[in-house]
Amino acid sequence: MKPYYKITLIYIMFGSAWIFVSDRLLESLTNSASALTMLQTYKGWFFIIITSLLLLLLIRKSHLELESKNKEKVEIFNITMRAVHHILNNFLQKMTYFKEISQASDPEKKEALGHYDEVIKETSAQVIKLGEISKITPAEIEKAVFEEKSGLKNKPHQQNH
């Protein structure tokens, strides 16, 4: 059940029970209309104090649960980013090894291997920048990965040649 429904339902149940029980109790305590009016006023103030405390506790509990879930999401995101960082670093190391083997077996392809080297260096730099982000926000991730190049943002949906 959503917290706002739960809090509202508890308030309705508590308020209804309070009115029903406290009205009967006050009627049994006094026969005087003026005394009953005065007790009803005190009862109203007491109700406000008690329900305020009840709402405070329920809303605080709900807020703490939400905060805990948000912290867990951030932690999962951070772990995922570290895993991606690790995977990419391993991939780049394997690609560097592959380049060295290719270069040793066919040294004539220097130009192609030069481009290959450029891509590895560029990707390595982006991985390092991604790993250095201290406060993870969409803006910081974008700034680290999609740096400005020749006036255009190098985003996944755009191709720069």
C-alpha atoms as a PDB file:
ATOM      1  CA  MET A   1       0.000   0.000   0.000  1.00  0.00           C
ATOM      2  CA  LYS A   2       1.308   3.462  -0.874  1.00  0.00           C
ATOM      3  CA  PRO A   3       2.473   5.408   2.211  1.00  0.00           C
ATOM      4  CA  TYR A   4       0.056   8.281   1.637  1.00  0.00           C
ATOM      5  CA  TYR A   5      -2.918   5.885   1.526  1.00  0.00           C
ATOM      6  CA  LYS A   6      -1.683   4.072   4.628  1.00  0.00           C
ATOM      7  CA  ILE A   7      -1.191   7.317   6.584  1.00  0.00           C
ATOM      8  CA  THR A   8      -4.614   8.615   5.515  1.00  0.00           C
ATOM      9  CA  LEU A   9      -6.315   5.335   6.441  1.00  0.00           C
ATOM     10  CA  ILE A  10      -4.662   5.304   9.882  1.00  0.00           C
ATOM     11  CA  TYR A  11      -5.709   8.926  10.425  1.00  0.00           C
ATOM     12  CA  ILE A  12      -9.332   8.191   9.435  1.00  0.00           C
ATOM     13  CA  MET A  13      -9.502   5.125  11.672  1.00  0.00           C
ATOM     14  CA  PHE A  14      -7.865   6.877  14.638  1.00  0.00           C
ATOM     15  CA  GLY A  15      -9.941  10.052  14.201  1.00  0.00           C
ATOM     16  CA  SER A  16     -13.214   8.159  13.890  1.00  0.00           C
ATOM     17  CA  ALA A  17     -12.478   6.002  16.935  1.00  0.00           C
ATOM     18  CA  TRP A  18     -11.392   9.072  18.897  1.00  0.00           C
ATOM     19  CA  ILE A  19     -14.592  10.979  18.169  1.00  0.00           C
ATOM     20  CA  PHE A  20     -16.860   8.018  18.864  1.00  0.00           C
ATOM     21  CA  VAL A  21     -15.183   6.920  22.121  1.00  0.00           C
ATOM     22  CA  SER A  22     -14.318  10.345  23.538  1.00  0.00           C
ATOM     23  CA  ASP A  23     -17.824  11.797  22.921  1.00  0.00           C
ATOM     24  CA  ARG A  24     -19.440   8.873  24.764  1.00  0.00           C
ATOM     25  CA  LEU A  25     -16.929   9.165  27.598  1.00  0.00           C
ATOM     26  CA  LEU A  26     -17.470  12.918  28.065  1.00  0.00           C
ATOM     27  CA  GLU A  27     -21.264  12.529  27.996  1.00  0.00           C
ATOM     28  CA  SER A  28     -20.989   9.966  30.767  1.00  0.00           C
ATOM     29  CA  LEU A  29     -18.742  12.240  32.888  1.00  0.00           C
ATOM     30  CA  THR A  30     -20.941  15.344  33.021  1.00  0.00           C
ATOM     31  CA  ASN A  31     -24.558  16.462  32.747  1.00  0.00           C
ATOM     32  CA  SER A  32     -23.745  20.178  32.462  1.00  0.00           C
ATOM     33  CA  ALA A  33     -23.851  21.644  28.943  1.00  0.00           C
ATOM     34  CA  SER A  34     -21.238  24.314  29.758  1.00  0.00           C
ATOM     35  CA  ALA A  35     -18.879  21.744  31.315  1.00  0.00           C
ATOM     36  CA  LEU A  36     -19.431  19.461  28.295  1.00  0.00           C
ATOM     37  CA  THR A  37     -18.589  22.342  25.925  1.00  0.00           C
ATOM     38  CA  MET A  38     -15.401  23.129  27.853  1.00  0.00           C
ATOM     39  CA  LEU A  39     -14.373  19.428  27.895  1.00  0.00           C
ATOM     40  CA  GLN A  40     -15.114  19.158  24.158  1.00  0.00           C
ATOM     41  CA  THR A  41     -12.717  22.085  23.541  1.00  0.00           C
ATOM     42  CA  TYR A  42      -9.966  20.421  25.591  1.00  0.00           C
ATOM     43  CA  LYS A  43     -10.689  17.145  23.845  1.00  0.00           C
ATOM     44  CA  GLY A  44     -10.286  18.906  20.462  1.00  0.00           C
ATOM     45  CA  TRP A  45      -6.920  20.393  21.448  1.00  0.00           C
ATOM     46  CA  PHE A  46      -5.770  17.026  22.784  1.00  0.00           C
ATOM     47  CA  PHE A  47      -6.858  15.414  19.497  1.00  0.00           C
ATOM     48  CA  ILE A  48      -4.778  17.931  17.521  1.00  0.00           C
ATOM     49  CA  ILE A  49      -1.692  17.223  19.647  1.00  0.00           C
ATOM     50  CA  ILE A  50      -2.076  13.424  19.493  1.00  0.00           C
ATOM     51  CA  THR A  51      -2.802  13.310  15.751  1.00  0.00           C
ATOM     52  CA  SER A  52       0.090  15.703  15.040  1.00  0.00           C
ATOM     53  CA  LEU A  53       2.442  13.327  16.854  1.00  0.00           C
ATOM     54  CA  LEU A  54       0.899  10.329  15.076  1.00  0.00           C
ATOM     55  CA  LEU A  55       1.291  12.006  11.686  1.00  0.00           C
ATOM     56  CA  LEU A  56       4.860  13.014  12.525  1.00  0.00           C
ATOM     57  CA  LEU A  57       5.773   9.410  13.367  1.00  0.00           C
ATOM     58  CA  LEU A  58       4.049   7.937  10.315  1.00  0.00           C
ATOM     59  CA  ILE A  59       5.457  10.498   7.861  1.00  0.00           C
ATOM     60  CA  ARG A  60       8.940  10.220   9.388  1.00  0.00           C
ATOM     61  CA  LYS A  61       8.837   6.418   9.085  1.00  0.00           C
ATOM     62  CA  SER A  62       7.700   6.673   5.465  1.00  0.00           C
ATOM     63  CA  HIS A  63      10.388   9.247   4.694  1.00  0.00           C
ATOM     64  CA  LEU A  64      13.146   7.133   6.266  1.00  0.00           C
ATOM     65  CA  GLU A  65      12.035   4.110   4.229  1.00  0.00           C
ATOM     66  CA  LEU A  66      12.085   6.206   1.045  1.00  0.00           C
ATOM     67  CA  GLU A  67      15.523   7.606   1.921  1.00  0.00           C
ATOM     68  CA  SER A  68      16.811   4.091   2.504  1.00  0.00           C
ATOM     69  CA  LYS A  69      15.498   2.925  -0.886  1.00  0.00           C
ATOM     70  CA  ASN A  70      17.091   5.926  -2.604  1.00  0.00           C
ATOM     71  CA  LYS A  71      20.444   5.237  -0.925  1.00  0.00           C
ATOM     72  CA  GLU A  72      20.213   1.626  -2.080  1.00  0.00           C
ATOM     73  CA  LYS A  73      19.528   2.764  -5.673  1.00  0.00           C
ATOM     74  CA  VAL A  74      22.548   5.080  -5.583  1.00  0.00           C
ATOM     75  CA  GLU A  75      24.711   2.284  -4.190  1.00  0.00           C
ATOM     76  CA  ILE A  76      23.528  -0.112  -6.906  1.00  0.00           C
ATOM     77  CA  PHE A  77      24.250   2.542  -9.517  1.00  0.00           C
ATOM     78  CA  ASN A  78      27.750   3.135  -8.097  1.00  0.00           C
ATOM     79  CA  ILE A  79      28.502  -0.590  -8.067  1.00  0.00           C
ATOM     80  CA  THR A  80      27.219  -0.881 -11.635  1.00  0.00           C
ATOM     81  CA  MET A  81      29.426   2.000 -12.738  1.00  0.00           C
ATOM     82  CA  ARG A  82      32.465   0.407 -11.078  1.00  0.00           C
ATOM     83  CA  ALA A  83      31.636  -2.878 -12.838  1.00  0.00           C
ATOM     84  CA  VAL A  84      31.300  -1.133 -16.204  1.00  0.00           C
ATOM     85  CA  HIS A  85      34.580   0.653 -15.541  1.00  0.00           C
ATOM     86  CA  HIS A  86      36.250  -2.680 -14.753  1.00  0.00           C
ATOM     87  CA  ILE A  87      34.783  -4.402 -17.834  1.00  0.00           C
ATOM     88  CA  LEU A  88      35.852  -1.569 -20.132  1.00  0.00           C
ATOM     89  CA  ASN A  89      39.366  -1.516 -18.707  1.00  0.00           C
ATOM     90  CA  ASN A  90      39.679  -5.265 -19.242  1.00  0.00           C
ATOM     91  CA  PHE A  91      38.363  -4.886 -22.786  1.00  0.00           C
ATOM     92  CA  LEU A  92      40.861  -2.114 -23.537  1.00  0.00           C
ATOM     93  CA  GLN A  93      43.743  -4.168 -22.172  1.00  0.00           C
ATOM     94  CA  LYS A  94      42.727  -7.114 -24.373  1.00  0.00           C
ATOM     95  CA  MET A  95      42.408  -4.812 -27.378  1.00  0.00           C
ATOM     96  CA  THR A  96      45.893  -3.424 -26.703  1.00  0.00           C
ATOM     97  CA  TYR A  97      47.213  -6.973 -26.537  1.00  0.00           C
ATOM     98  CA  PHE A  98      45.423  -7.799 -29.800  1.00  0.00           C
ATOM     99  CA  LYS A  99      46.988  -4.702 -31.415  1.00  0.00           C
ATOM    100  CA  GLU A 100      50.456  -5.769 -30.330  1.00  0.00           C
ATOM    101  CA  ILE A 101      49.940  -9.245 -31.775  1.00  0.00           C
ATOM    102  CA  SER A 102      48.574  -7.775 -35.021  1.00  0.00           C
ATOM    103  CA  GLN A 103      51.469  -5.354 -35.267  1.00  0.00           C
ATOM    104  CA  ALA A 104      53.993  -8.139 -34.723  1.00  0.00           C
ATOM    105  CA  SER A 105      52.392 -10.354 -37.377  1.00  0.00           C
ATOM    106  CA  ASP A 106      51.845  -7.622 -40.029  1.00  0.00           C
ATOM    107  CA  PRO A 107      53.878  -4.451 -39.439  1.00  0.00           C
ATOM    108  CA  GLU A 108      52.721  -3.072 -42.844  1.00  0.00           C
ATOM    109  CA  LYS A 109      49.350  -2.012 -41.419  1.00  0.00           C
ATOM    110  CA  LYS A 110      50.788   0.900 -39.413  1.00  0.00           C
ATOM    111  CA  GLU A 111      48.120   3.429 -40.457  1.00  0.00           C
ATOM    112  CA  ALA A 112      45.223   1.142 -39.493  1.00  0.00           C
ATOM    113  CA  LEU A 113      46.915   0.237 -36.225  1.00  0.00           C
ATOM    114  CA  GLY A 114      47.507   3.938 -35.583  1.00  0.00           C
ATOM    115  CA  HIS A 115      43.755   4.590 -35.794  1.00  0.00           C
ATOM    116  CA  TYR A 116      43.219   1.577 -33.615  1.00  0.00           C
ATOM    117  CA  ASP A 117      45.644   3.045 -31.081  1.00  0.00           C
ATOM    118  CA  GLU A 118      43.780   6.388 -31.189  1.00  0.00           C
ATOM    119  CA  VAL A 119      40.474   4.692 -30.400  1.00  0.00           C
ATOM    120  CA  ILE A 120      42.010   2.795 -27.479  1.00  0.00           C
ATOM    121  CA  LYS A 121      43.558   5.972 -26.033  1.00  0.00           C
ATOM    122  CA  GLU A 122      40.338   7.955 -26.454  1.00  0.00           C
ATOM    123  CA  THR A 123      38.252   5.224 -24.844  1.00  0.00           C
ATOM    124  CA  SER A 124      40.777   4.823 -22.025  1.00  0.00           C
ATOM    125  CA  ALA A 125      40.627   8.561 -21.326  1.00  0.00           C
ATOM    126  CA  GLN A 126      36.822   8.471 -21.174  1.00  0.00           C
ATOM    127  CA  VAL A 127      36.866   5.460 -18.843  1.00  0.00           C
ATOM    128  CA  ILE A 128      39.331   7.230 -16.554  1.00  0.00           C
ATOM    129  CA  LYS A 129      37.207  10.401 -16.522  1.00  0.00           C
ATOM    130  CA  LEU A 130      34.109   8.331 -15.757  1.00  0.00           C
ATOM    131  CA  GLY A 131      35.909   6.635 -12.882  1.00  0.00           C
ATOM    132  CA  GLU A 132      36.997   9.981 -11.429  1.00  0.00           C
ATOM    133  CA  ILE A 133      33.476  11.357 -10.978  1.00  0.00           C
ATOM    134  CA  SER A 134      33.095  12.187  -7.286  1.00  0.00           C
ATOM    135  CA  LYS A 135      29.410  13.103  -7.182  1.00  0.00           C
ATOM    136  CA  ILE A 136      27.324  11.054  -9.555  1.00  0.00           C
ATOM    137  CA  THR A 137      24.759  13.167 -11.343  1.00  0.00           C
ATOM    138  CA  PRO A 138      23.505  13.009 -14.932  1.00  0.00           C
ATOM    139  CA  ALA A 139      25.298  16.293 -15.686  1.00  0.00           C
ATOM    140  CA  GLU A 140      28.634  15.022 -14.318  1.00  0.00           C
ATOM    141  CA  ILE A 141      28.389  11.760 -16.270  1.00  0.00           C
ATOM    142  CA  GLU A 142      27.536  13.650 -19.441  1.00  0.00           C
ATOM    143  CA  LYS A 143      30.425  16.057 -18.874  1.00  0.00           C
ATOM    144  CA  ALA A 144      32.870  13.158 -18.303  1.00  0.00           C
ATOM    145  CA  VAL A 145      31.817  11.040 -21.268  1.00  0.00           C
ATOM    146  CA  PHE A 146      30.290  13.332 -23.871  1.00  0.00           C
ATOM    147  CA  GLU A 147      32.916  16.045 -24.012  1.00  0.00           C
ATOM    148  CA  GLU A 148      32.717  18.817 -26.589  1.00  0.00           C
ATOM    149  CA  LYS A 149      34.366  17.933 -29.879  1.00  0.00           C
ATOM    150  CA  SER A 150      34.459  20.327 -32.795  1.00  0.00           C
ATOM    151  CA  GLY A 151      31.377  22.195 -31.601  1.00  0.00           C
ATOM    152  CA  LEU A 152      29.173  19.092 -31.418  1.00  0.00           C
ATOM    153  CA  LYS A 153      28.441  16.899 -28.446  1.00  0.00           C
ATOM    154  CA  ASN A 154      29.658  13.384 -29.067  1.00  0.00           C
ATOM    155  CA  LYS A 155      26.524  11.644 -27.789  1.00  0.00           C
ATOM    156  CA  PRO A 156      25.516   8.071 -28.659  1.00  0.00           C
ATOM    157  CA  HIS A 157      22.623   9.167 -30.876  1.00  0.00           C
ATOM    158  CA  GLN A 158      24.864  11.471 -32.935  1.00  0.00           C
ATOM    159  CA  GLN A 159      27.648  10.321 -35.199  1.00  0.00           C
ATOM    160  CA  ASN A 160      30.730  12.441 -35.675  1.00  0.00           C
ATOM    161  CA  HIS A 161      33.069  11.563 -38.543  1.00  0.00           C
END
